Amino acid sequence: MIDGREATQRVKDYFLTAHGEFGVLGFQVEGASFNETTKQWVIRSAFLASLGAQKRTTYEVRLSEEGQILEVKKIVPEAA
């Protein structure tokens, strides 16, 4: 089983591969937890998706306990 540090690194590597270095500016982990019931890591992260981006894009990524990415979900903020 991977630990939280490895899980967050795999998420960052995933986005770097998918979006490129300039598509993942200011990458931040907002939360990391392991769900004992589902045996999955849940990593919430946010970053600027381009050089001119004004707001961070937030994602929730689920990984198996072995580190395989199972689901990537973009979090859309609710309108105020």
N, C-alpha and C. Protein backbone atom coordinates (compact mmCIF):
# COMPACT_ATOMS: atom_id res chain seq x y z
N MET A 1 0.84 -1.19 0.00
CA MET A 1 0.00 0.00 0.00
C MET A 1 0.88 1.25 0.00
N ILE A 2 0.49 2.24 -0.81
CA ILE A 2 1.25 3.49 -0.84
C ILE A 2 0.81 4.38 0.33
N ASP A 3 1.66 5.35 0.66
CA ASP A 3 1.30 6.29 1.73
C ASP A 3 0.77 7.58 1.11
N GLY A 4 0.37 8.52 1.96
CA GLY A 4 -0.21 9.77 1.50
C GLY A 4 0.73 10.60 0.64
N ARG A 5 2.00 10.59 0.99
CA ARG A 5 2.99 11.35 0.21
C ARG A 5 3.08 10.80 -1.21
N GLU A 6 3.14 9.48 -1.33
CA GLU A 6 3.21 8.86 -2.65
C GLU A 6 1.92 9.10 -3.43
N ALA A 7 0.77 9.04 -2.76
CA ALA A 7 -0.51 9.28 -3.43
C ALA A 7 -0.57 10.70 -4.00
N THR A 8 -0.16 11.68 -3.22
CA THR A 8 -0.20 13.06 -3.71
C THR A 8 0.81 13.28 -4.84
N GLN A 9 1.95 12.63 -4.78
CA GLN A 9 2.94 12.76 -5.85
C GLN A 9 2.41 12.15 -7.15
N ARG A 10 1.72 11.04 -7.05
CA ARG A 10 1.13 10.42 -8.25
C ARG A 10 0.07 11.31 -8.88
N VAL A 11 -0.70 12.01 -8.05
CA VAL A 11 -1.70 12.94 -8.57
C VAL A 11 -1.00 14.10 -9.28
N LYS A 12 0.02 14.66 -8.67
CA LYS A 12 0.75 15.77 -9.30
C LYS A 12 1.37 15.30 -10.62
N ASP A 13 1.98 14.13 -10.63
CA ASP A 13 2.58 13.60 -11.86
C ASP A 13 1.53 13.40 -12.94
N TYR A 14 0.35 12.95 -12.55
CA TYR A 14 -0.76 12.76 -13.50
C TYR A 14 -1.09 14.08 -14.19
N PHE A 15 -1.27 15.14 -13.41
CA PHE A 15 -1.63 16.43 -13.99
C PHE A 15 -0.50 17.03 -14.81
N LEU A 16 0.74 16.83 -14.39
CA LEU A 16 1.88 17.30 -15.19
C LEU A 16 1.90 16.61 -16.55
N THR A 17 1.62 15.32 -16.58
CA THR A 17 1.58 14.58 -17.84
C THR A 17 0.40 15.02 -18.69
N ALA A 18 -0.75 15.21 -18.08
CA ALA A 18 -1.97 15.56 -18.81
C ALA A 18 -1.97 17.00 -19.32
N HIS A 19 -1.44 17.94 -18.52
CA HIS A 19 -1.56 19.36 -18.84
C HIS A 19 -0.23 20.04 -19.16
N GLY A 20 0.88 19.41 -18.87
CA GLY A 20 2.18 20.03 -19.08
C GLY A 20 2.57 20.92 -17.91
N GLU A 21 3.83 21.29 -17.88
CA GLU A 21 4.36 22.06 -16.76
C GLU A 21 3.66 23.40 -16.57
N PHE A 22 3.30 24.08 -17.67
CA PHE A 22 2.65 25.38 -17.55
C PHE A 22 1.14 25.27 -17.36
N GLY A 23 0.62 24.05 -17.36
CA GLY A 23 -0.80 23.85 -17.12
C GLY A 23 -1.09 23.44 -15.68
N VAL A 24 -0.04 23.40 -14.86
CA VAL A 24 -0.20 22.99 -13.45
C VAL A 24 0.61 23.95 -12.58
N LEU A 25 0.34 25.23 -12.72
CA LEU A 25 1.10 26.23 -11.96
C LEU A 25 0.59 26.34 -10.53
N GLY A 26 1.49 26.41 -9.59
CA GLY A 26 1.11 26.57 -8.19
C GLY A 26 0.33 25.40 -7.63
N PHE A 27 0.69 24.20 -8.03
CA PHE A 27 -0.02 23.00 -7.57
C PHE A 27 -0.03 22.94 -6.04
N GLN A 28 -1.22 22.76 -5.47
CA GLN A 28 -1.37 22.66 -4.02
C GLN A 28 -2.29 21.50 -3.67
N VAL A 29 -1.91 20.77 -2.65
CA VAL A 29 -2.77 19.72 -2.12
C VAL A 29 -3.65 20.37 -1.06
N GLU A 30 -4.96 20.26 -1.23
CA GLU A 30 -5.89 20.84 -0.26
C GLU A 30 -6.37 19.82 0.75
N GLY A 31 -6.20 18.54 0.43
CA GLY A 31 -6.62 17.51 1.37
C GLY A 31 -6.21 16.14 0.87
N ALA A 32 -5.92 15.26 1.81
CA ALA A 32 -5.57 13.88 1.48
C ALA A 32 -6.11 12.98 2.59
N SER A 33 -6.84 11.94 2.19
CA SER A 33 -7.37 11.01 3.18
C SER A 33 -7.45 9.62 2.58
N PHE A 34 -7.43 8.62 3.46
CA PHE A 34 -7.57 7.24 3.03
C PHE A 34 -8.88 6.71 3.59
N ASN A 35 -9.74 6.23 2.70
CA ASN A 35 -11.03 5.68 3.09
C ASN A 35 -10.85 4.18 3.36
N GLU A 36 -10.96 3.78 4.61
CA GLU A 36 -10.76 2.37 4.99
C GLU A 36 -11.82 1.45 4.39
N THR A 37 -13.03 1.97 4.19
CA THR A 37 -14.12 1.15 3.65
C THR A 37 -13.87 0.80 2.19
N THR A 38 -13.54 1.81 1.37
CA THR A 38 -13.33 1.59 -0.06
C THR A 38 -11.89 1.24 -0.39
N LYS A 39 -10.99 1.41 0.58
CA LYS A 39 -9.55 1.18 0.37
C LYS A 39 -9.01 2.07 -0.74
N GLN A 40 -9.42 3.36 -0.69
CA GLN A 40 -9.00 4.32 -1.70
C GLN A 40 -8.46 5.59 -1.04
N TRP A 41 -7.45 6.16 -1.70
CA TRP A 41 -6.98 7.49 -1.33
C TRP A 41 -7.86 8.50 -2.04
N VAL A 42 -8.19 9.61 -1.36
CA VAL A 42 -8.91 10.72 -1.95
C VAL A 42 -8.01 11.95 -1.79
N ILE A 43 -7.57 12.48 -2.91
CA ILE A 43 -6.67 13.63 -2.90
C ILE A 43 -7.38 14.80 -3.56
N ARG A 44 -7.46 15.91 -2.84
CA ARG A 44 -8.07 17.13 -3.39
C ARG A 44 -6.94 18.11 -3.63
N SER A 45 -6.86 18.63 -4.86
CA SER A 45 -5.78 19.55 -5.20
C SER A 45 -6.31 20.69 -6.05
N ALA A 46 -5.53 21.76 -6.13
CA ALA A 46 -5.91 22.92 -6.92
C ALA A 46 -4.66 23.52 -7.55
N PHE A 47 -4.85 24.11 -8.73
CA PHE A 47 -3.73 24.74 -9.42
C PHE A 47 -4.27 25.71 -10.47
N LEU A 48 -3.39 26.58 -10.96
CA LEU A 48 -3.73 27.48 -12.06
C LEU A 48 -3.53 26.70 -13.35
N ALA A 49 -4.55 26.63 -14.17
CA ALA A 49 -4.52 25.78 -15.35
C ALA A 49 -3.81 26.39 -16.56
N SER A 50 -3.39 27.65 -16.45
CA SER A 50 -2.64 28.30 -17.53
C SER A 50 -1.93 29.53 -16.98
N LEU A 51 -1.05 30.10 -17.80
CA LEU A 51 -0.30 31.27 -17.35
C LEU A 51 -1.20 32.45 -17.03
N GLY A 52 -2.29 32.63 -17.76
CA GLY A 52 -3.17 33.78 -17.54
C GLY A 52 -4.35 33.50 -16.62
N ALA A 53 -4.40 32.33 -16.04
CA ALA A 53 -5.55 31.97 -15.20
C ALA A 53 -5.62 32.86 -13.96
N GLN A 54 -6.83 33.27 -13.62
CA GLN A 54 -7.07 34.10 -12.44
C GLN A 54 -7.48 33.28 -11.22
N LYS A 55 -8.17 32.17 -11.48
CA LYS A 55 -8.67 31.33 -10.40
C LYS A 55 -8.10 29.92 -10.51
N ARG A 56 -7.95 29.30 -9.36
CA ARG A 56 -7.46 27.92 -9.32
C ARG A 56 -8.56 26.95 -9.74
N THR A 57 -8.15 25.90 -10.40
CA THR A 57 -9.05 24.80 -10.74
C THR A 57 -8.84 23.72 -9.70
N THR A 58 -9.92 23.20 -9.13
CA THR A 58 -9.84 22.20 -8.07
C THR A 58 -10.30 20.85 -8.60
N TYR A 59 -9.57 19.81 -8.21
CA TYR A 59 -9.88 18.45 -8.61
C TYR A 59 -9.88 17.53 -7.38
N GLU A 60 -10.69 16.49 -7.47
CA GLU A 60 -10.67 15.41 -6.49
C GLU A 60 -10.29 14.14 -7.26
N VAL A 61 -9.24 13.49 -6.80
CA VAL A 61 -8.73 12.30 -7.47
C VAL A 61 -8.79 11.13 -6.50
N ARG A 62 -9.31 10.00 -6.97
CA ARG A 62 -9.35 8.78 -6.18
C ARG A 62 -8.33 7.80 -6.73
N LEU A 63 -7.56 7.22 -5.80
CA LEU A 63 -6.55 6.24 -6.16
C LEU A 63 -6.76 4.97 -5.35
N SER A 64 -6.41 3.84 -5.97
CA SER A 64 -6.46 2.57 -5.23
C SER A 64 -5.35 2.58 -4.19
N GLU A 65 -5.40 1.65 -3.27
CA GLU A 65 -4.36 1.59 -2.24
C GLU A 65 -3.00 1.25 -2.83
N GLU A 66 -2.98 0.74 -4.08
CA GLU A 66 -1.73 0.46 -4.77
C GLU A 66 -1.23 1.67 -5.57
N GLY A 67 -2.07 2.72 -5.69
CA GLY A 67 -1.67 3.94 -6.36
C GLY A 67 -2.21 4.13 -7.76
N GLN A 68 -3.09 3.26 -8.22
CA GLN A 68 -3.69 3.41 -9.54
C GLN A 68 -4.78 4.47 -9.48
N ILE A 69 -4.75 5.41 -10.43
CA ILE A 69 -5.78 6.45 -10.47
C ILE A 69 -7.07 5.84 -10.99
N LEU A 70 -8.12 5.97 -10.18
CA LEU A 70 -9.41 5.37 -10.49
C LEU A 70 -10.41 6.38 -11.04
N GLU A 71 -10.35 7.62 -10.52
CA GLU A 71 -11.32 8.65 -10.91
C GLU A 71 -10.70 10.03 -10.74
N VAL A 72 -10.98 10.90 -11.71
CA VAL A 72 -10.56 12.30 -11.63
C VAL A 72 -11.82 13.14 -11.83
N LYS A 73 -12.12 13.97 -10.84
CA LYS A 73 -13.34 14.78 -10.90
C LYS A 73 -13.00 16.24 -10.67
N LYS A 74 -13.41 17.08 -11.63
CA LYS A 74 -13.23 18.53 -11.49
C LYS A 74 -14.33 19.04 -10.56
N ILE A 75 -13.94 19.83 -9.59
CA ILE A 75 -14.88 20.39 -8.62
C ILE A 75 -15.30 21.77 -9.12
N VAL A 76 -16.58 21.92 -9.40
CA VAL A 76 -17.11 23.19 -9.88
C VAL A 76 -17.75 23.90 -8.69
N PRO A 77 -17.27 25.11 -8.39
CA PRO A 77 -17.86 25.83 -7.24
C PRO A 77 -19.31 26.20 -7.51
N GLU A 78 -20.10 26.14 -6.46
CA GLU A 78 -21.52 26.49 -6.58
C GLU A 78 -21.63 28.02 -6.70
N ALA A 79 -22.60 28.44 -7.48
CA ALA A 79 -22.83 29.89 -7.65
C ALA A 79 -23.34 30.46 -6.33
N ALA A 80 -22.88 31.66 -6.03
CA ALA A 80 -23.27 32.30 -4.77
C ALA A 80 -24.64 32.90 -4.84
